[in-house]
Amino acid sequence: MASNPYMTKTEALLREGKAKLDGLRARTEKAGEETRISADRKLKEFEARYADVSRRFEELRAAGTHGVAEIKIGLEKAWEAFASEIRRTQ
């Protein structure tokens, strides 16, 4: 299913999301102590959202053709929630 254009696009989005998450993690590590506490909390929220997106992508990959539409909708909603949170930090 990896040759599917939707899957290829989604894999690219996941890589982009992971890179943004890594960048936030690096900024959090460099932050001052007061800022770091708040940033750590936010980072954990971002990591949880990313984990949800990643989990849904794996569900889609494993689904074959059964129930794909519902899984795609869930994946797209999870991605938008993650991307929206990331955009607010930039």
C-alpha atoms as a PDB file:
ATOM      1  CA  MET A   1       0.000   0.000   0.000  1.00  0.00           C
ATOM      2  CA  ALA A   2       3.052   2.300   0.239  1.00  0.00           C
ATOM      3  CA  SER A   3       2.887   3.051  -3.506  1.00  0.00           C
ATOM      4  CA  ASN A   4      -0.578   4.543  -2.989  1.00  0.00           C
ATOM      5  CA  PRO A   5      -0.324   8.359  -3.473  1.00  0.00           C
ATOM      6  CA  TYR A   6      -2.428   8.997  -0.358  1.00  0.00           C
ATOM      7  CA  MET A   7      -0.140   6.835   1.749  1.00  0.00           C
ATOM      8  CA  THR A   8       2.965   8.469   0.272  1.00  0.00           C
ATOM      9  CA  LYS A   9       1.580  11.928   1.041  1.00  0.00           C
ATOM     10  CA  THR A  10       0.605  10.890   4.560  1.00  0.00           C
ATOM     11  CA  GLU A  11       4.036   9.380   5.214  1.00  0.00           C
ATOM     12  CA  ALA A  12       5.566  12.719   4.152  1.00  0.00           C
ATOM     13  CA  LEU A  13       3.241  14.567   6.544  1.00  0.00           C
ATOM     14  CA  LEU A  14       4.272  12.232   9.356  1.00  0.00           C
ATOM     15  CA  ARG A  15       7.958  12.902   8.645  1.00  0.00           C
ATOM     16  CA  GLU A  16       7.237  16.647   8.621  1.00  0.00           C
ATOM     17  CA  GLY A  17       5.343  16.373  11.897  1.00  0.00           C
ATOM     18  CA  LYS A  18       8.161  14.376  13.482  1.00  0.00           C
ATOM     19  CA  ALA A  19      10.684  17.013  12.381  1.00  0.00           C
ATOM     20  CA  LYS A  20       8.563  19.785  13.908  1.00  0.00           C
ATOM     21  CA  LEU A  21       8.202  17.795  17.096  1.00  0.00           C
ATOM     22  CA  ASP A  22      11.977  17.258  17.225  1.00  0.00           C
ATOM     23  CA  GLY A  23      12.487  21.013  16.744  1.00  0.00           C
ATOM     24  CA  LEU A  24      10.119  21.798  19.599  1.00  0.00           C
ATOM     25  CA  ARG A  25      11.889  19.235  21.761  1.00  0.00           C
ATOM     26  CA  ALA A  26      15.237  20.937  21.042  1.00  0.00           C
ATOM     27  CA  ARG A  27      13.800  24.389  21.857  1.00  0.00           C
ATOM     28  CA  THR A  28      12.321  23.032  25.077  1.00  0.00           C
ATOM     29  CA  GLU A  29      15.686  21.644  26.162  1.00  0.00           C
ATOM     30  CA  LYS A  30      17.301  25.051  25.626  1.00  0.00           C
ATOM     31  CA  ALA A  31      14.596  26.983  27.496  1.00  0.00           C
ATOM     32  CA  GLY A  32      15.102  28.500  30.931  1.00  0.00           C
ATOM     33  CA  GLU A  33      13.834  26.571  33.931  1.00  0.00           C
ATOM     34  CA  GLU A  34      10.515  28.415  34.339  1.00  0.00           C
ATOM     35  CA  THR A  35       9.783  28.235  30.650  1.00  0.00           C
ATOM     36  CA  ARG A  36      10.914  24.625  30.467  1.00  0.00           C
ATOM     37  CA  ILE A  37       8.242  23.400  32.886  1.00  0.00           C
ATOM     38  CA  SER A  38       5.471  24.871  30.755  1.00  0.00           C
ATOM     39  CA  ALA A  39       7.191  23.828  27.520  1.00  0.00           C
ATOM     40  CA  ASP A  40       7.629  20.250  28.786  1.00  0.00           C
ATOM     41  CA  ARG A  41       3.920  20.044  29.507  1.00  0.00           C
ATOM     42  CA  LYS A  42       3.065  21.311  26.019  1.00  0.00           C
ATOM     43  CA  LEU A  43       5.631  18.998  24.450  1.00  0.00           C
ATOM     44  CA  LYS A  44       4.005  15.989  26.118  1.00  0.00           C
ATOM     45  CA  GLU A  45       0.644  17.080  24.655  1.00  0.00           C
ATOM     46  CA  PHE A  46       2.204  17.363  21.182  1.00  0.00           C
ATOM     47  CA  GLU A  47       3.845  13.971  21.553  1.00  0.00           C
ATOM     48  CA  ALA A  48       0.509  12.422  22.525  1.00  0.00           C
ATOM     49  CA  ARG A  49      -1.212  13.987  19.495  1.00  0.00           C
ATOM     50  CA  TYR A  50       1.595  12.797  17.216  1.00  0.00           C
ATOM     51  CA  ALA A  51       1.351   9.297  18.683  1.00  0.00           C
ATOM     52  CA  ASP A  52      -2.384   9.326  17.886  1.00  0.00           C
ATOM     53  CA  VAL A  53      -1.682  10.357  14.279  1.00  0.00           C
ATOM     54  CA  SER A  54       1.002   7.694  13.943  1.00  0.00           C
ATOM     55  CA  ARG A  55      -1.265   5.014  15.417  1.00  0.00           C
ATOM     56  CA  ARG A  56      -4.065   5.912  13.015  1.00  0.00           C
ATOM     57  CA  PHE A  57      -1.644   5.791  10.090  1.00  0.00           C
ATOM     58  CA  GLU A  58      -0.581   2.285  11.105  1.00  0.00           C
ATOM     59  CA  GLU A  59      -4.257   1.292  11.335  1.00  0.00           C
ATOM     60  CA  LEU A  60      -4.741   2.582   7.800  1.00  0.00           C
ATOM     61  CA  ARG A  61      -1.693   0.719   6.565  1.00  0.00           C
ATOM     62  CA  ALA A  62      -2.976  -2.520   8.086  1.00  0.00           C
ATOM     63  CA  ALA A  63      -6.607  -2.029   7.031  1.00  0.00           C
ATOM     64  CA  GLY A  64      -6.276  -3.069   3.419  1.00  0.00           C
ATOM     65  CA  THR A  65      -9.551  -2.022   1.817  1.00  0.00           C
ATOM     66  CA  HIS A  66     -12.027  -2.630   4.632  1.00  0.00           C
ATOM     67  CA  GLY A  67     -13.111   0.473   6.547  1.00  0.00           C
ATOM     68  CA  VAL A  68     -10.504   2.687   4.898  1.00  0.00           C
ATOM     69  CA  ALA A  69     -12.784   5.721   4.539  1.00  0.00           C
ATOM     70  CA  GLU A  70     -13.504   5.896   8.274  1.00  0.00           C
ATOM     71  CA  ILE A  71      -9.859   5.387   9.156  1.00  0.00           C
ATOM     72  CA  LYS A  72      -8.801   8.129   6.724  1.00  0.00           C
ATOM     73  CA  ILE A  73     -11.285  10.549   8.262  1.00  0.00           C
ATOM     74  CA  GLY A  74      -9.983   9.769  11.752  1.00  0.00           C
ATOM     75  CA  LEU A  75      -6.396  10.118  10.580  1.00  0.00           C
ATOM     76  CA  GLU A  76      -7.076  13.448   8.892  1.00  0.00           C
ATOM     77  CA  LYS A  77      -8.839  14.814  11.987  1.00  0.00           C
ATOM     78  CA  ALA A  78      -5.979  13.667  14.215  1.00  0.00           C
ATOM     79  CA  TRP A  79      -3.435  15.238  11.841  1.00  0.00           C
ATOM     80  CA  GLU A  80      -5.317  18.548  11.756  1.00  0.00           C
ATOM     81  CA  ALA A  81      -5.485  18.643  15.571  1.00  0.00           C
ATOM     82  CA  PHE A  82      -1.738  17.992  15.779  1.00  0.00           C
ATOM     83  CA  ALA A  83      -0.854  20.503  13.031  1.00  0.00           C
ATOM     84  CA  SER A  84      -3.121  23.146  14.563  1.00  0.00           C
ATOM     85  CA  GLU A  85      -1.384  22.826  17.933  1.00  0.00           C
ATOM     86  CA  ILE A  86       2.041  23.012  16.294  1.00  0.00           C
ATOM     87  CA  ARG A  87       1.082  26.119  14.282  1.00  0.00           C
ATOM     88  CA  ARG A  88       0.053  27.900  17.480  1.00  0.00           C
ATOM     89  CA  THR A  89       3.568  27.534  18.872  1.00  0.00           C
ATOM     90  CA  GLN A  90       5.300  29.079  15.875  1.00  0.00           C
END
